[in-house]
Amino acid sequence: MNKKHWNFIELQSDVPAKLIRELVDHSYALVVAGMKKADRERLAALSG
């Protein structure tokens, strides 16, 4: 599995939930941007 866009966060009380969500969303966007157009379109169709 390609770990290029993985995030490592030690979940302690000092990591705001909003920051965790932003990091995950950013990684997801990078992965989707790297997909073939047909795969991005198929994913978009599944997401609604």
C-alpha atoms as a PDB file:
ATOM      1  CA  MET A   1       0.000   0.000   0.000  1.00  0.00           C
ATOM      2  CA  ASN A   2       1.346   3.416  -0.950  1.00  0.00           C
ATOM      3  CA  LYS A   3       1.928   5.510   2.168  1.00  0.00           C
ATOM      4  CA  LYS A   4       2.676   8.742   0.306  1.00  0.00           C
ATOM      5  CA  HIS A   5      -0.398  10.564   1.626  1.00  0.00           C
ATOM      6  CA  TRP A   6      -0.670   8.933   5.047  1.00  0.00           C
ATOM      7  CA  ASN A   7      -1.012  11.085   8.124  1.00  0.00           C
ATOM      8  CA  PHE A   8       0.411  10.077  11.473  1.00  0.00           C
ATOM      9  CA  ILE A   9      -1.260  11.781  14.392  1.00  0.00           C
ATOM     10  CA  GLU A  10      -0.818  10.829  18.016  1.00  0.00           C
ATOM     11  CA  LEU A  11      -4.330  11.205  19.329  1.00  0.00           C
ATOM     12  CA  GLN A  12      -4.054  13.072  22.568  1.00  0.00           C
ATOM     13  CA  SER A  13      -6.343  15.672  24.009  1.00  0.00           C
ATOM     14  CA  ASP A  14      -4.205  18.484  22.581  1.00  0.00           C
ATOM     15  CA  VAL A  15      -5.021  17.665  18.938  1.00  0.00           C
ATOM     16  CA  PRO A  16      -8.225  19.494  17.972  1.00  0.00           C
ATOM     17  CA  ALA A  17     -10.810  17.397  16.148  1.00  0.00           C
ATOM     18  CA  LYS A  18     -11.078  20.121  13.506  1.00  0.00           C
ATOM     19  CA  LEU A  19      -7.366  19.794  12.677  1.00  0.00           C
ATOM     20  CA  ILE A  20      -7.645  16.018  12.365  1.00  0.00           C
ATOM     21  CA  ARG A  21     -10.569  16.419   9.982  1.00  0.00           C
ATOM     22  CA  GLU A  22      -8.673  19.001   7.901  1.00  0.00           C
ATOM     23  CA  LEU A  23      -5.637  16.715   7.603  1.00  0.00           C
ATOM     24  CA  VAL A  24      -7.765  13.755   6.544  1.00  0.00           C
ATOM     25  CA  ASP A  25      -9.708  15.860   4.032  1.00  0.00           C
ATOM     26  CA  HIS A  26      -6.468  17.211   2.561  1.00  0.00           C
ATOM     27  CA  SER A  27      -4.993  13.719   2.171  1.00  0.00           C
ATOM     28  CA  TYR A  28      -8.205  12.486   0.569  1.00  0.00           C
ATOM     29  CA  ALA A  29      -8.168  15.377  -1.909  1.00  0.00           C
ATOM     30  CA  LEU A  30      -4.553  14.603  -2.853  1.00  0.00           C
ATOM     31  CA  VAL A  31      -5.359  10.949  -3.455  1.00  0.00           C
ATOM     32  CA  VAL A  32      -8.450  11.742  -5.526  1.00  0.00           C
ATOM     33  CA  ALA A  33      -6.527  14.317  -7.578  1.00  0.00           C
ATOM     34  CA  GLY A  34      -4.002  11.609  -8.466  1.00  0.00           C
ATOM     35  CA  MET A  35      -6.647   9.220  -9.785  1.00  0.00           C
ATOM     36  CA  LYS A  36      -7.454   8.704 -13.438  1.00  0.00           C
ATOM     37  CA  LYS A  37     -10.347  10.830 -14.654  1.00  0.00           C
ATOM     38  CA  ALA A  38     -12.620   7.814 -15.088  1.00  0.00           C
ATOM     39  CA  ASP A  39     -11.936   6.693 -11.519  1.00  0.00           C
ATOM     40  CA  ARG A  40     -12.618  10.202 -10.163  1.00  0.00           C
ATOM     41  CA  GLU A  41     -15.907  10.287 -12.065  1.00  0.00           C
ATOM     42  CA  ARG A  42     -16.895   6.855 -10.778  1.00  0.00           C
ATOM     43  CA  LEU A  43     -16.086   7.940  -7.220  1.00  0.00           C
ATOM     44  CA  ALA A  44     -18.102  11.143  -7.646  1.00  0.00           C
ATOM     45  CA  ALA A  45     -21.067   9.114  -8.877  1.00  0.00           C
ATOM     46  CA  LEU A  46     -20.869   6.900  -5.776  1.00  0.00           C
ATOM     47  CA  SER A  47     -20.660   9.917  -3.483  1.00  0.00           C
ATOM     48  CA  GLY A  48     -23.800  11.408  -4.945  1.00  0.00           C
END
